[in-house]
């Protein structure tokens, strides 16, 4: 089972993108029970946490995206979003969505974000 992520693309530095990730219907556990996260992996580098949000909307951000990225969730749509503003070339990576709760973890296929200088 894979999460369905979308919204990546090519953008100039300073631009914005919105990523979306939907929990598929085949995952029957209630959506609010999952902590939803976005990770990213640049070529030749490890996958790192970008932002996460719990079911009651507590958020956590990597230091290098604080003030520029915002994570949110719509529990009725089983969807998590990542709003990315003031994008920098260093934000170029494949972005992965993750859903996790005790004993379960699911990943999305990844969506490419490329920021040109």
C-alpha atoms as a PDB file:
ATOM      1  CA  UNK A   1       0.000   0.000   0.000  1.00  0.00           C
ATOM      2  CA  UNK A   2       1.388   3.399  -0.971  1.00  0.00           C
ATOM      3  CA  UNK A   3       0.292   6.868  -0.112  1.00  0.00           C
ATOM      4  CA  UNK A   4      -0.560   9.084  -3.070  1.00  0.00           C
ATOM      5  CA  UNK A   5       1.623  12.175  -3.185  1.00  0.00           C
ATOM      6  CA  UNK A   6       1.381  14.926  -5.774  1.00  0.00           C
ATOM      7  CA  UNK A   7       2.250  18.558  -6.392  1.00  0.00           C
ATOM      8  CA  UNK A   8       5.935  18.499  -7.159  1.00  0.00           C
ATOM      9  CA  UNK A   9       7.471  20.275 -10.108  1.00  0.00           C
ATOM     10  CA  UNK A  10       9.994  22.802 -11.329  1.00  0.00           C
ATOM     11  CA  UNK A  11       9.959  26.262  -9.777  1.00  0.00           C
ATOM     12  CA  UNK A  12      12.302  29.221  -9.666  1.00  0.00           C
ATOM     13  CA  UNK A  13      14.025  30.227  -6.464  1.00  0.00           C
ATOM     14  CA  UNK A  14      11.686  32.290  -4.336  1.00  0.00           C
ATOM     15  CA  UNK A  15       8.644  30.510  -5.689  1.00  0.00           C
ATOM     16  CA  UNK A  16       6.070  28.312  -3.991  1.00  0.00           C
ATOM     17  CA  UNK A  17       4.629  24.841  -4.309  1.00  0.00           C
ATOM     18  CA  UNK A  18       1.997  22.840  -2.495  1.00  0.00           C
ATOM     19  CA  UNK A  19       2.411  19.111  -2.011  1.00  0.00           C
ATOM     20  CA  UNK A  20      -0.522  16.861  -1.200  1.00  0.00           C
ATOM     21  CA  UNK A  21      -0.678  13.312   0.082  1.00  0.00           C
ATOM     22  CA  UNK A  22      -3.787  11.189   0.443  1.00  0.00           C
ATOM     23  CA  UNK A  23      -4.197   8.135   2.639  1.00  0.00           C
ATOM     24  CA  UNK A  24      -5.756   5.486   0.381  1.00  0.00           C
ATOM     25  CA  UNK A  25      -9.078   3.861   1.265  1.00  0.00           C
ATOM     26  CA  UNK A  26      -7.367   0.494   1.559  1.00  0.00           C
ATOM     27  CA  UNK A  27      -5.870   1.751   4.831  1.00  0.00           C
ATOM     28  CA  UNK A  28      -8.850   1.405   7.103  1.00  0.00           C
ATOM     29  CA  UNK A  29      -7.478   2.812  10.354  1.00  0.00           C
ATOM     30  CA  UNK A  30      -8.805   6.268  11.223  1.00  0.00           C
ATOM     31  CA  UNK A  31      -6.747   9.018   9.667  1.00  0.00           C
ATOM     32  CA  UNK A  32      -6.411  11.158  12.790  1.00  0.00           C
ATOM     33  CA  UNK A  33      -4.561   8.329  14.502  1.00  0.00           C
ATOM     34  CA  UNK A  34      -1.606   8.753  12.155  1.00  0.00           C
ATOM     35  CA  UNK A  35       1.230  11.178  12.499  1.00  0.00           C
ATOM     36  CA  UNK A  36       1.747  12.434   8.959  1.00  0.00           C
ATOM     37  CA  UNK A  37       5.161  13.528   7.821  1.00  0.00           C
ATOM     38  CA  UNK A  38       7.058  14.766   4.812  1.00  0.00           C
ATOM     39  CA  UNK A  39      10.628  13.654   4.208  1.00  0.00           C
ATOM     40  CA  UNK A  40      12.993  14.576   1.421  1.00  0.00           C
ATOM     41  CA  UNK A  41      15.995  13.001  -0.181  1.00  0.00           C
ATOM     42  CA  UNK A  42      18.449  14.845  -2.377  1.00  0.00           C
ATOM     43  CA  UNK A  43      20.740  12.924  -4.750  1.00  0.00           C
ATOM     44  CA  UNK A  44      23.515  11.209  -2.835  1.00  0.00           C
ATOM     45  CA  UNK A  45      22.094  12.171   0.540  1.00  0.00           C
ATOM     46  CA  UNK A  46      20.032  10.418   3.167  1.00  0.00           C
ATOM     47  CA  UNK A  47      16.312  10.863   3.572  1.00  0.00           C
ATOM     48  CA  UNK A  48      15.555  13.493   6.203  1.00  0.00           C
ATOM     49  CA  UNK A  49      12.440  14.672   7.986  1.00  0.00           C
ATOM     50  CA  UNK A  50      11.069  17.967   6.703  1.00  0.00           C
ATOM     51  CA  UNK A  51       7.893  18.347   8.776  1.00  0.00           C
ATOM     52  CA  UNK A  52       5.387  16.301  10.720  1.00  0.00           C
ATOM     53  CA  UNK A  53       1.905  16.798  12.133  1.00  0.00           C
ATOM     54  CA  UNK A  54       0.054  14.697  14.685  1.00  0.00           C
ATOM     55  CA  UNK A  55      -3.634  13.900  14.688  1.00  0.00           C
ATOM     56  CA  UNK A  56      -4.320  16.818  17.034  1.00  0.00           C
ATOM     57  CA  UNK A  57      -2.207  19.077  14.794  1.00  0.00           C
ATOM     58  CA  UNK A  58       0.979  19.418  16.777  1.00  0.00           C
ATOM     59  CA  UNK A  59       3.701  20.228  14.246  1.00  0.00           C
ATOM     60  CA  UNK A  60       7.434  19.820  13.999  1.00  0.00           C
ATOM     61  CA  UNK A  61       9.792  21.258  11.381  1.00  0.00           C
ATOM     62  CA  UNK A  62      13.379  20.800  10.325  1.00  0.00           C
ATOM     63  CA  UNK A  63      15.416  23.877  11.180  1.00  0.00           C
ATOM     64  CA  UNK A  64      16.170  24.714   7.558  1.00  0.00           C
ATOM     65  CA  UNK A  65      12.493  24.983   6.569  1.00  0.00           C
ATOM     66  CA  UNK A  66      11.092  26.773   9.606  1.00  0.00           C
ATOM     67  CA  UNK A  67       9.300  29.949   8.611  1.00  0.00           C
ATOM     68  CA  UNK A  68       9.135  28.864   4.955  1.00  0.00           C
ATOM     69  CA  UNK A  69       7.194  25.585   4.962  1.00  0.00           C
ATOM     70  CA  UNK A  70       3.843  24.827   6.583  1.00  0.00           C
ATOM     71  CA  UNK A  71       2.367  21.380   7.116  1.00  0.00           C
ATOM     72  CA  UNK A  72      -1.354  20.926   7.583  1.00  0.00           C
ATOM     73  CA  UNK A  73      -3.924  18.156   7.415  1.00  0.00           C
ATOM     74  CA  UNK A  74      -7.569  17.733   6.503  1.00  0.00           C
ATOM     75  CA  UNK A  75      -8.844  14.755   8.435  1.00  0.00           C
ATOM     76  CA  UNK A  76     -12.122  14.669   6.497  1.00  0.00           C
ATOM     77  CA  UNK A  77     -10.189  14.220   3.240  1.00  0.00           C
ATOM     78  CA  UNK A  78      -7.472  12.000   4.721  1.00  0.00           C
ATOM     79  CA  UNK A  79      -4.972  14.413   3.230  1.00  0.00           C
ATOM     80  CA  UNK A  80      -1.808  16.107   4.411  1.00  0.00           C
ATOM     81  CA  UNK A  81      -0.350  19.168   2.734  1.00  0.00           C
ATOM     82  CA  UNK A  82       3.038  20.805   2.634  1.00  0.00           C
ATOM     83  CA  UNK A  83       3.022  24.456   1.645  1.00  0.00           C
ATOM     84  CA  UNK A  84       6.495  25.471   0.545  1.00  0.00           C
ATOM     85  CA  UNK A  85       7.325  29.148   0.176  1.00  0.00           C
ATOM     86  CA  UNK A  86      10.541  31.035  -0.541  1.00  0.00           C
ATOM     87  CA  UNK A  87      11.947  27.925  -2.148  1.00  0.00           C
ATOM     88  CA  UNK A  88      15.705  27.659  -2.511  1.00  0.00           C
ATOM     89  CA  UNK A  89      17.833  25.488  -4.821  1.00  0.00           C
ATOM     90  CA  UNK A  90      18.847  23.556  -1.688  1.00  0.00           C
ATOM     91  CA  UNK A  91      15.220  22.406  -1.374  1.00  0.00           C
ATOM     92  CA  UNK A  92      15.611  20.350  -4.550  1.00  0.00           C
ATOM     93  CA  UNK A  93      14.861  16.738  -3.669  1.00  0.00           C
ATOM     94  CA  UNK A  94      12.365  13.935  -3.941  1.00  0.00           C
ATOM     95  CA  UNK A  95       9.703  14.522  -1.291  1.00  0.00           C
ATOM     96  CA  UNK A  96       8.098  11.528   0.391  1.00  0.00           C
ATOM     97  CA  UNK A  97       4.951  11.349   2.433  1.00  0.00           C
ATOM     98  CA  UNK A  98       4.797   9.098   5.495  1.00  0.00           C
ATOM     99  CA  UNK A  99       1.951   7.940   7.719  1.00  0.00           C
ATOM    100  CA  UNK A 100       2.827   6.323  11.029  1.00  0.00           C
ATOM    101  CA  UNK A 101       1.221   5.066  14.194  1.00  0.00           C
ATOM    102  CA  UNK A 102       2.017   2.230  16.576  1.00  0.00           C
ATOM    103  CA  UNK A 103       2.911  -0.835  14.546  1.00  0.00           C
ATOM    104  CA  UNK A 104       2.188   0.721  11.171  1.00  0.00           C
ATOM    105  CA  UNK A 105       4.068   2.891   8.713  1.00  0.00           C
ATOM    106  CA  UNK A 106       3.344   3.706   5.091  1.00  0.00           C
ATOM    107  CA  UNK A 107       5.264   5.638   2.486  1.00  0.00           C
ATOM    108  CA  UNK A 108       4.349   7.456  -0.665  1.00  0.00           C
ATOM    109  CA  UNK A 109       6.089   6.984  -3.980  1.00  0.00           C
ATOM    110  CA  UNK A 110       7.775  10.387  -3.840  1.00  0.00           C
ATOM    111  CA  UNK A 111       7.338  13.548  -5.843  1.00  0.00           C
ATOM    112  CA  UNK A 112      10.213  15.514  -7.370  1.00  0.00           C
ATOM    113  CA  UNK A 113      10.712  19.152  -6.426  1.00  0.00           C
ATOM    114  CA  UNK A 114      13.303  21.063  -8.419  1.00  0.00           C
ATOM    115  CA  UNK A 115      14.184  24.653  -7.598  1.00  0.00           C
ATOM    116  CA  UNK A 116      16.203  26.544 -10.188  1.00  0.00           C
ATOM    117  CA  UNK A 117      18.459  29.446  -9.280  1.00  0.00           C
END
